[in-house]
Full PDB file with SEQRES, HELIX, SHEET, SSBOND, CRYST1, ORIGX, SCALE, CONECT and MASTER records, all heavy atoms in Angstrom:
SEQRES   1 A   30  TYR LEU GLN MET ASN SER LEU LYS PRO GLY ASP THR ALA          
SEQRES   2 A   30  VAL TYR TYR CYS ALA ALA ALA ASN GLU ARG LEU CYS PRO          
SEQRES   3 A   30  GLN ARG TYR GLU                                              
HELIX    1 AA1 PRO A    9  ASP A   11  5                                   3    
CRYST1    1.000    1.000    1.000  90.00  90.00  90.00 P 1           1          
ORIGX1      1.000000  0.000000  0.000000        0.00000                         
ORIGX2      0.000000  1.000000  0.000000        0.00000                         
ORIGX3      0.000000  0.000000  1.000000        0.00000                         
SCALE1      1.000000  0.000000  0.000000        0.00000                         
SCALE2      0.000000  1.000000  0.000000        0.00000                         
SCALE3      0.000000  0.000000  1.000000        0.00000                         
ATOM      1  N   TYR A   1      -1.872  -2.465   9.600  1.00  0.00           N  
ATOM      2  CA  TYR A   1      -2.708  -1.213   9.576  1.00  0.00           C  
ATOM      3  C   TYR A   1      -2.086  -0.117   8.777  1.00  0.00           C  
ATOM      4  O   TYR A   1      -0.802  -0.106   8.590  1.00  0.00           O  
ATOM      5  CB  TYR A   1      -2.859  -0.749  11.030  1.00  0.00           C  
ATOM      6  CG  TYR A   1      -3.459  -1.829  11.948  1.00  0.00           C  
ATOM      7  CD1 TYR A   1      -2.584  -2.597  12.766  1.00  0.00           C  
ATOM      8  CD2 TYR A   1      -4.783  -1.991  12.136  1.00  0.00           C  
ATOM      9  CE1 TYR A   1      -3.122  -3.561  13.639  1.00  0.00           C  
ATOM     10  CE2 TYR A   1      -5.404  -2.938  12.967  1.00  0.00           C  
ATOM     11  CZ  TYR A   1      -4.472  -3.717  13.679  1.00  0.00           C  
ATOM     12  OH  TYR A   1      -5.025  -4.686  14.556  1.00  0.00           O  
ATOM     13  N   LEU A   2      -2.896   0.788   8.377  1.00  0.00           N  
ATOM     14  CA  LEU A   2      -2.414   1.950   7.642  1.00  0.00           C  
ATOM     15  C   LEU A   2      -3.196   3.132   8.279  1.00  0.00           C  
ATOM     16  O   LEU A   2      -4.336   3.300   7.982  1.00  0.00           O  
ATOM     17  CB  LEU A   2      -2.646   1.898   6.099  1.00  0.00           C  
ATOM     18  CG  LEU A   2      -2.057   3.061   5.320  1.00  0.00           C  
ATOM     19  CD1 LEU A   2      -0.479   2.993   5.395  1.00  0.00           C  
ATOM     20  CD2 LEU A   2      -2.477   2.930   3.902  1.00  0.00           C  
ATOM     21  N   GLN A   3      -2.477   3.906   9.094  1.00  0.00           N  
ATOM     22  CA  GLN A   3      -3.040   5.133   9.641  1.00  0.00           C  
ATOM     23  C   GLN A   3      -2.879   6.186   8.644  1.00  0.00           C  
ATOM     24  O   GLN A   3      -1.735   6.547   8.312  1.00  0.00           O  
ATOM     25  CB  GLN A   3      -2.364   5.412  11.007  1.00  0.00           C  
ATOM     26  CG  GLN A   3      -2.765   6.754  11.604  1.00  0.00           C  
ATOM     27  CD  GLN A   3      -4.113   6.809  12.094  1.00  0.00           C  
ATOM     28  OE1 GLN A   3      -4.523   5.972  12.957  1.00  0.00           O  
ATOM     29  NE2 GLN A   3      -4.949   7.745  11.702  1.00  0.00           N  
ATOM     30  N   MET A   4      -3.953   6.859   8.208  1.00  0.00           N  
ATOM     31  CA  MET A   4      -3.876   7.853   7.196  1.00  0.00           C  
ATOM     32  C   MET A   4      -4.445   9.167   7.787  1.00  0.00           C  
ATOM     33  O   MET A   4      -5.587   9.227   8.172  1.00  0.00           O  
ATOM     34  CB  MET A   4      -4.722   7.490   5.991  1.00  0.00           C  
ATOM     35  CG  MET A   4      -4.361   6.118   5.379  1.00  0.00           C  
ATOM     36  SD  MET A   4      -5.218   5.780   3.862  1.00  0.00           S  
ATOM     37  CE  MET A   4      -6.936   5.621   4.430  1.00  0.00           C  
ATOM     38  N   ASN A   5      -3.459  10.134   7.958  1.00  0.00           N  
ATOM     39  CA  ASN A   5      -3.805  11.384   8.466  1.00  0.00           C  
ATOM     40  C   ASN A   5      -3.785  12.449   7.368  1.00  0.00           C  
ATOM     41  O   ASN A   5      -3.218  12.284   6.354  1.00  0.00           O  
ATOM     42  CB  ASN A   5      -2.898  11.817   9.553  1.00  0.00           C  
ATOM     43  CG  ASN A   5      -2.959  10.875  10.812  1.00  0.00           C  
ATOM     44  OD1 ASN A   5      -4.073  10.372  11.135  1.00  0.00           O  
ATOM     45  ND2 ASN A   5      -1.851  10.711  11.461  1.00  0.00           N  
ATOM     46  N   SER A   6      -4.409  13.672   7.650  1.00  0.00           N  
ATOM     47  CA  SER A   6      -4.404  14.810   6.733  1.00  0.00           C  
ATOM     48  C   SER A   6      -4.734  14.325   5.285  1.00  0.00           C  
ATOM     49  O   SER A   6      -3.976  14.691   4.311  1.00  0.00           O  
ATOM     50  CB  SER A   6      -3.003  15.470   6.772  1.00  0.00           C  
ATOM     51  OG  SER A   6      -2.689  15.936   8.046  1.00  0.00           O  
ATOM     52  N   LEU A   7      -5.793  13.576   5.172  1.00  0.00           N  
ATOM     53  CA  LEU A   7      -6.168  13.088   3.808  1.00  0.00           C  
ATOM     54  C   LEU A   7      -6.508  14.187   2.787  1.00  0.00           C  
ATOM     55  O   LEU A   7      -7.069  15.229   3.244  1.00  0.00           O  
ATOM     56  CB  LEU A   7      -7.293  12.128   4.003  1.00  0.00           C  
ATOM     57  CG  LEU A   7      -6.979  10.811   4.553  1.00  0.00           C  
ATOM     58  CD1 LEU A   7      -8.206  10.040   5.082  1.00  0.00           C  
ATOM     59  CD2 LEU A   7      -6.252   9.905   3.465  1.00  0.00           C  
ATOM     60  N   LYS A   8      -6.084  13.902   1.591  1.00  0.00           N  
ATOM     61  CA  LYS A   8      -6.277  14.884   0.520  1.00  0.00           C  
ATOM     62  C   LYS A   8      -7.181  14.107  -0.557  1.00  0.00           C  
ATOM     63  O   LYS A   8      -7.175  12.931  -0.699  1.00  0.00           O  
ATOM     64  CB  LYS A   8      -4.948  15.245  -0.157  1.00  0.00           C  
ATOM     65  CG  LYS A   8      -3.909  15.811   0.822  1.00  0.00           C  
ATOM     66  CD  LYS A   8      -2.553  15.988   0.103  1.00  0.00           C  
ATOM     67  CE  LYS A   8      -1.561  16.555   1.045  1.00  0.00           C  
ATOM     68  NZ  LYS A   8      -0.245  16.703   0.366  1.00  0.00           N  
ATOM     69  N   PRO A   9      -7.791  14.970  -1.445  1.00  0.00           N  
ATOM     70  CA  PRO A   9      -8.607  14.405  -2.474  1.00  0.00           C  
ATOM     71  C   PRO A   9      -7.797  13.473  -3.400  1.00  0.00           C  
ATOM     72  O   PRO A   9      -8.241  12.407  -3.922  1.00  0.00           O  
ATOM     73  CB  PRO A   9      -9.110  15.586  -3.313  1.00  0.00           C  
ATOM     74  CG  PRO A   9      -9.204  16.664  -2.242  1.00  0.00           C  
ATOM     75  CD  PRO A   9      -8.067  16.417  -1.392  1.00  0.00           C  
ATOM     76  N   GLY A  10      -6.470  13.745  -3.515  1.00  0.00           N  
ATOM     77  CA  GLY A  10      -5.587  12.892  -4.374  1.00  0.00           C  
ATOM     78  C   GLY A  10      -5.314  11.466  -3.675  1.00  0.00           C  
ATOM     79  O   GLY A  10      -4.783  10.607  -4.385  1.00  0.00           O  
ATOM     80  N   ASP A  11      -5.689  11.343  -2.468  1.00  0.00           N  
ATOM     81  CA  ASP A  11      -5.587  10.040  -1.807  1.00  0.00           C  
ATOM     82  C   ASP A  11      -6.801   9.119  -2.132  1.00  0.00           C  
ATOM     83  O   ASP A  11      -6.793   7.910  -1.797  1.00  0.00           O  
ATOM     84  CB  ASP A  11      -5.534  10.140  -0.314  1.00  0.00           C  
ATOM     85  CG  ASP A  11      -4.259  10.933   0.119  1.00  0.00           C  
ATOM     86  OD1 ASP A  11      -3.182  10.593  -0.375  1.00  0.00           O  
ATOM     87  OD2 ASP A  11      -4.440  11.758   1.045  1.00  0.00           O  
ATOM     88  N   THR A  12      -7.813   9.604  -2.847  1.00  0.00           N  
ATOM     89  CA  THR A  12      -8.911   8.766  -3.205  1.00  0.00           C  
ATOM     90  C   THR A  12      -8.506   7.660  -4.103  1.00  0.00           C  
ATOM     91  O   THR A  12      -7.908   7.874  -5.141  1.00  0.00           O  
ATOM     92  CB  THR A  12      -9.957   9.674  -3.921  1.00  0.00           C  
ATOM     93  OG1 THR A  12     -10.475  10.639  -3.031  1.00  0.00           O  
ATOM     94  CG2 THR A  12     -11.129   8.751  -4.438  1.00  0.00           C  
ATOM     95  N   ALA A  13      -8.884   6.442  -3.706  1.00  0.00           N  
ATOM     96  CA  ALA A  13      -8.414   5.261  -4.395  1.00  0.00           C  
ATOM     97  C   ALA A  13      -8.985   3.986  -3.711  1.00  0.00           C  
ATOM     98  O   ALA A  13      -9.491   4.113  -2.648  1.00  0.00           O  
ATOM     99  CB  ALA A  13      -6.894   5.134  -4.505  1.00  0.00           C  
ATOM    100  N   VAL A  14      -8.846   2.890  -4.409  1.00  0.00           N  
ATOM    101  CA  VAL A  14      -9.067   1.575  -3.725  1.00  0.00           C  
ATOM    102  C   VAL A  14      -7.749   1.175  -3.163  1.00  0.00           C  
ATOM    103  O   VAL A  14      -6.720   1.140  -3.868  1.00  0.00           O  
ATOM    104  CB  VAL A  14      -9.575   0.471  -4.761  1.00  0.00           C  
ATOM    105  CG1 VAL A  14      -9.729  -0.855  -3.995  1.00  0.00           C  
ATOM    106  CG2 VAL A  14     -10.918   0.930  -5.294  1.00  0.00           C  
ATOM    107  N   TYR A  15      -7.769   0.860  -1.869  1.00  0.00           N  
ATOM    108  CA  TYR A  15      -6.432   0.463  -1.213  1.00  0.00           C  
ATOM    109  C   TYR A  15      -6.385  -1.019  -0.974  1.00  0.00           C  
ATOM    110  O   TYR A  15      -7.383  -1.664  -0.564  1.00  0.00           O  
ATOM    111  CB  TYR A  15      -6.423   1.176   0.139  1.00  0.00           C  
ATOM    112  CG  TYR A  15      -6.009   2.672   0.026  1.00  0.00           C  
ATOM    113  CD1 TYR A  15      -6.926   3.570  -0.453  1.00  0.00           C  
ATOM    114  CD2 TYR A  15      -4.717   3.016   0.388  1.00  0.00           C  
ATOM    115  CE1 TYR A  15      -6.510   4.828  -0.629  1.00  0.00           C  
ATOM    116  CE2 TYR A  15      -4.357   4.363   0.238  1.00  0.00           C  
ATOM    117  CZ  TYR A  15      -5.249   5.369  -0.254  1.00  0.00           C  
ATOM    118  OH  TYR A  15      -4.897   6.621  -0.419  1.00  0.00           O  
ATOM    119  N   TYR A  16      -5.245  -1.609  -1.401  1.00  0.00           N  
ATOM    120  CA  TYR A  16      -5.073  -3.066  -1.302  1.00  0.00           C  
ATOM    121  C   TYR A  16      -3.887  -3.352  -0.379  1.00  0.00           C  
ATOM    122  O   TYR A  16      -2.927  -2.694  -0.345  1.00  0.00           O  
ATOM    123  CB  TYR A  16      -4.660  -3.597  -2.652  1.00  0.00           C  
ATOM    124  CG  TYR A  16      -5.796  -3.449  -3.712  1.00  0.00           C  
ATOM    125  CD1 TYR A  16      -5.781  -2.265  -4.460  1.00  0.00           C  
ATOM    126  CD2 TYR A  16      -6.749  -4.371  -4.014  1.00  0.00           C  
ATOM    127  CE1 TYR A  16      -6.768  -2.044  -5.521  1.00  0.00           C  
ATOM    128  CE2 TYR A  16      -7.716  -4.220  -4.997  1.00  0.00           C  
ATOM    129  CZ  TYR A  16      -7.713  -3.059  -5.774  1.00  0.00           C  
ATOM    130  OH  TYR A  16      -8.588  -2.863  -6.704  1.00  0.00           O  
ATOM    131  N   CYS A  17      -3.957  -4.452   0.329  1.00  0.00           N  
ATOM    132  CA  CYS A  17      -2.744  -4.972   0.987  1.00  0.00           C  
ATOM    133  C   CYS A  17      -2.363  -6.216   0.275  1.00  0.00           C  
ATOM    134  O   CYS A  17      -3.079  -6.946  -0.429  1.00  0.00           O  
ATOM    135  CB  CYS A  17      -3.033  -5.386   2.489  1.00  0.00           C  
ATOM    136  SG  CYS A  17      -4.285  -6.630   2.793  1.00  0.00           S  
ATOM    137  N   ALA A  18      -1.038  -6.507   0.337  1.00  0.00           N  
ATOM    138  CA  ALA A  18      -0.496  -7.673  -0.404  1.00  0.00           C  
ATOM    139  C   ALA A  18       0.736  -8.233   0.425  1.00  0.00           C  
ATOM    140  O   ALA A  18       1.356  -7.556   1.242  1.00  0.00           O  
ATOM    141  CB  ALA A  18       0.043  -7.196  -1.785  1.00  0.00           C  
ATOM    142  N   ALA A  19       0.950  -9.540   0.184  1.00  0.00           N  
ATOM    143  CA  ALA A  19       2.001 -10.273   0.873  1.00  0.00           C  
ATOM    144  C   ALA A  19       2.970 -10.914  -0.123  1.00  0.00           C  
ATOM    145  O   ALA A  19       2.588 -11.511  -1.080  1.00  0.00           O  
ATOM    146  CB  ALA A  19       1.394 -11.296   1.829  1.00  0.00           C  
ATOM    147  N   ALA A  20       4.227 -10.826   0.215  1.00  0.00           N  
ATOM    148  CA  ALA A  20       5.260 -11.391  -0.670  1.00  0.00           C  
ATOM    149  C   ALA A  20       6.231 -12.289   0.103  1.00  0.00           C  
ATOM    150  O   ALA A  20       6.628 -11.877   1.208  1.00  0.00           O  
ATOM    151  CB  ALA A  20       6.063 -10.279  -1.375  1.00  0.00           C  
ATOM    152  N   ASN A  21       6.524 -13.437  -0.412  1.00  0.00           N  
ATOM    153  CA  ASN A  21       7.459 -14.361   0.238  1.00  0.00           C  
ATOM    154  C   ASN A  21       8.874 -13.917  -0.201  1.00  0.00           C  
ATOM    155  O   ASN A  21       9.618 -14.670  -0.808  1.00  0.00           O  
ATOM    156  CB  ASN A  21       7.241 -15.791  -0.178  1.00  0.00           C  
ATOM    157  CG  ASN A  21       7.945 -16.853   0.601  1.00  0.00           C  
ATOM    158  OD1 ASN A  21       8.573 -16.455   1.636  1.00  0.00           O  
ATOM    159  ND2 ASN A  21       7.990 -18.042   0.188  1.00  0.00           N  
ATOM    160  N   GLU A  22       9.279 -12.799   0.310  1.00  0.00           N  
ATOM    161  CA  GLU A  22      10.538 -12.203   0.046  1.00  0.00           C  
ATOM    162  C   GLU A  22      11.018 -11.525   1.330  1.00  0.00           C  
ATOM    163  O   GLU A  22      10.198 -11.076   2.186  1.00  0.00           O  
ATOM    164  CB  GLU A  22      10.477 -11.142  -1.045  1.00  0.00           C  
ATOM    165  CG  GLU A  22       9.936 -11.633  -2.404  1.00  0.00           C  
ATOM    166  CD  GLU A  22      10.973 -12.515  -3.141  1.00  0.00           C  
ATOM    167  OE1 GLU A  22      12.136 -12.405  -2.728  1.00  0.00           O  
ATOM    168  OE2 GLU A  22      10.630 -13.091  -4.173  1.00  0.00           O  
ATOM    169  N   ARG A  23      12.331 -11.359   1.541  1.00  0.00           N  
ATOM    170  CA  ARG A  23      12.924 -10.782   2.683  1.00  0.00           C  
ATOM    171  C   ARG A  23      12.732  -9.247   2.570  1.00  0.00           C  
ATOM    172  O   ARG A  23      12.580  -8.682   3.620  1.00  0.00           O  
ATOM    173  CB  ARG A  23      14.397 -11.142   2.766  1.00  0.00           C  
ATOM    174  CG  ARG A  23      14.648 -12.623   3.104  1.00  0.00           C  
ATOM    175  CD  ARG A  23      16.135 -12.903   3.128  1.00  0.00           C  
ATOM    176  NE  ARG A  23      16.852 -12.079   4.153  1.00  0.00           N  
ATOM    177  CZ  ARG A  23      17.706 -11.107   3.830  1.00  0.00           C  
ATOM    178  NH1 ARG A  23      18.061 -10.901   2.535  1.00  0.00           N  
ATOM    179  NH2 ARG A  23      18.289 -10.454   4.839  1.00  0.00           N  
ATOM    180  N   LEU A  24      12.803  -8.686   1.417  1.00  0.00           N  
ATOM    181  CA  LEU A  24      12.772  -7.215   1.226  1.00  0.00           C  
ATOM    182  C   LEU A  24      11.615  -6.907   0.368  1.00  0.00           C  
ATOM    183  O   LEU A  24      10.996  -7.726  -0.338  1.00  0.00           O  
ATOM    184  CB  LEU A  24      14.083  -6.737   0.569  1.00  0.00           C  
ATOM    185  CG  LEU A  24      15.408  -7.062   1.278  1.00  0.00           C  
ATOM    186  CD1 LEU A  24      16.607  -6.582   0.482  1.00  0.00           C  
ATOM    187  CD2 LEU A  24      15.420  -6.507   2.701  1.00  0.00           C  
ATOM    188  N   CYS A  25      11.233  -5.574   0.368  1.00  0.00           N  
ATOM    189  CA  CYS A  25      10.102  -5.142  -0.357  1.00  0.00           C  
ATOM    190  C   CYS A  25      10.346  -5.277  -1.904  1.00  0.00           C  
ATOM    191  O   CYS A  25      11.269  -4.690  -2.401  1.00  0.00           O  
ATOM    192  CB  CYS A  25       9.783  -3.627  -0.064  1.00  0.00           C  
ATOM    193  SG  CYS A  25       9.300  -3.417   1.684  1.00  0.00           S  
ATOM    194  N   PRO A  26       9.548  -6.092  -2.603  1.00  0.00           N  
ATOM    195  CA  PRO A  26       9.698  -6.365  -4.019  1.00  0.00           C  
ATOM    196  C   PRO A  26       8.895  -5.437  -4.832  1.00  0.00           C  
ATOM    197  O   PRO A  26       8.176  -4.509  -4.369  1.00  0.00           O  
ATOM    198  CB  PRO A  26       9.289  -7.772  -4.163  1.00  0.00           C  
ATOM    199  CG  PRO A  26       8.113  -7.818  -3.247  1.00  0.00           C  
ATOM    200  CD  PRO A  26       8.459  -6.949  -2.068  1.00  0.00           C  
ATOM    201  N   GLN A  27       8.996  -5.601  -6.173  1.00  0.00           N  
ATOM    202  CA  GLN A  27       8.071  -4.912  -7.200  1.00  0.00           C  
ATOM    203  C   GLN A  27       6.743  -5.378  -7.032  1.00  0.00           C  
ATOM    204  O   GLN A  27       6.447  -6.567  -6.555  1.00  0.00           O  
ATOM    205  CB  GLN A  27       8.643  -5.088  -8.610  1.00  0.00           C  
ATOM    206  CG  GLN A  27      10.042  -4.548  -8.823  1.00  0.00           C  
ATOM    207  CD  GLN A  27      10.075  -3.052  -8.703  1.00  0.00           C  
ATOM    208  OE1 GLN A  27       9.264  -2.330  -9.234  1.00  0.00           O  
ATOM    209  NE2 GLN A  27      11.053  -2.580  -7.893  1.00  0.00           N  
ATOM    210  N   ARG A  28       5.751  -4.604  -7.522  1.00  0.00           N  
ATOM    211  CA  ARG A  28       4.320  -4.961  -7.382  1.00  0.00           C  
ATOM    212  C   ARG A  28       3.994  -6.276  -7.944  1.00  0.00           C  
ATOM    213  O   ARG A  28       3.263  -7.146  -7.256  1.00  0.00           O  
ATOM    214  CB  ARG A  28       3.533  -3.898  -8.107  1.00  0.00           C  
ATOM    215  CG  ARG A  28       1.978  -4.143  -8.013  1.00  0.00           C  
ATOM    216  CD  ARG A  28       1.289  -3.184  -8.994  1.00  0.00           C  
ATOM    217  NE  ARG A  28       1.621  -3.416 -10.364  1.00  0.00           N  
ATOM    218  CZ  ARG A  28       1.127  -2.747 -11.348  1.00  0.00           C  
ATOM    219  NH1 ARG A  28       0.303  -1.833 -11.171  1.00  0.00           N  
ATOM    220  NH2 ARG A  28       1.530  -3.092 -12.575  1.00  0.00           N  
ATOM    221  N   TYR A  29       4.580  -6.636  -9.071  1.00  0.00           N  
ATOM    222  CA  TYR A  29       4.221  -7.894  -9.745  1.00  0.00           C  
ATOM    223  C   TYR A  29       4.806  -9.204  -9.040  1.00  0.00           C  
ATOM    224  O   TYR A  29       4.518 -10.301  -9.449  1.00  0.00           O  
ATOM    225  CB  TYR A  29       4.608  -7.859 -11.197  1.00  0.00           C  
ATOM    226  CG  TYR A  29       6.104  -7.534 -11.441  1.00  0.00           C  
ATOM    227  CD1 TYR A  29       7.050  -8.514 -11.344  1.00  0.00           C  
ATOM    228  CD2 TYR A  29       6.474  -6.225 -11.777  1.00  0.00           C  
ATOM    229  CE1 TYR A  29       8.405  -8.231 -11.577  1.00  0.00           C  
ATOM    230  CE2 TYR A  29       7.796  -5.908 -11.932  1.00  0.00           C  
ATOM    231  CZ  TYR A  29       8.748  -6.977 -11.822  1.00  0.00           C  
ATOM    232  OH  TYR A  29      10.091  -6.655 -12.077  1.00  0.00           O  
ATOM    233  N   GLU A  30       5.659  -8.973  -8.088  1.00  0.00           N  
ATOM    234  CA  GLU A  30       6.244 -10.080  -7.363  1.00  0.00           C  
ATOM    235  C   GLU A  30       5.550 -10.435  -6.073  1.00  0.00           C  
ATOM    236  O   GLU A  30       5.943 -11.430  -5.507  1.00  0.00           O  
ATOM    237  CB  GLU A  30       7.761  -9.718  -7.025  1.00  0.00           C  
ATOM    238  CG  GLU A  30       8.627  -9.584  -8.312  1.00  0.00           C  
ATOM    239  CD  GLU A  30      10.029  -9.192  -7.989  1.00  0.00           C  
ATOM    240  OE1 GLU A  30      10.261  -8.056  -7.481  1.00  0.00           O  
ATOM    241  OE2 GLU A  30      10.977 -10.051  -8.152  1.00  0.00           O  
TER     242      GLU A  30                                                      
MASTER        0    0    0    1    0    0    0    6  241    1    0    3          
END                                                                             
């Protein structure tokens, strides 16, 4: 889940979730 509070116009976007077979948070392309 992503709880988004105090939203601003700059938050306007398409939001995606993604999964990586890595132990730590990798770069987007990984």
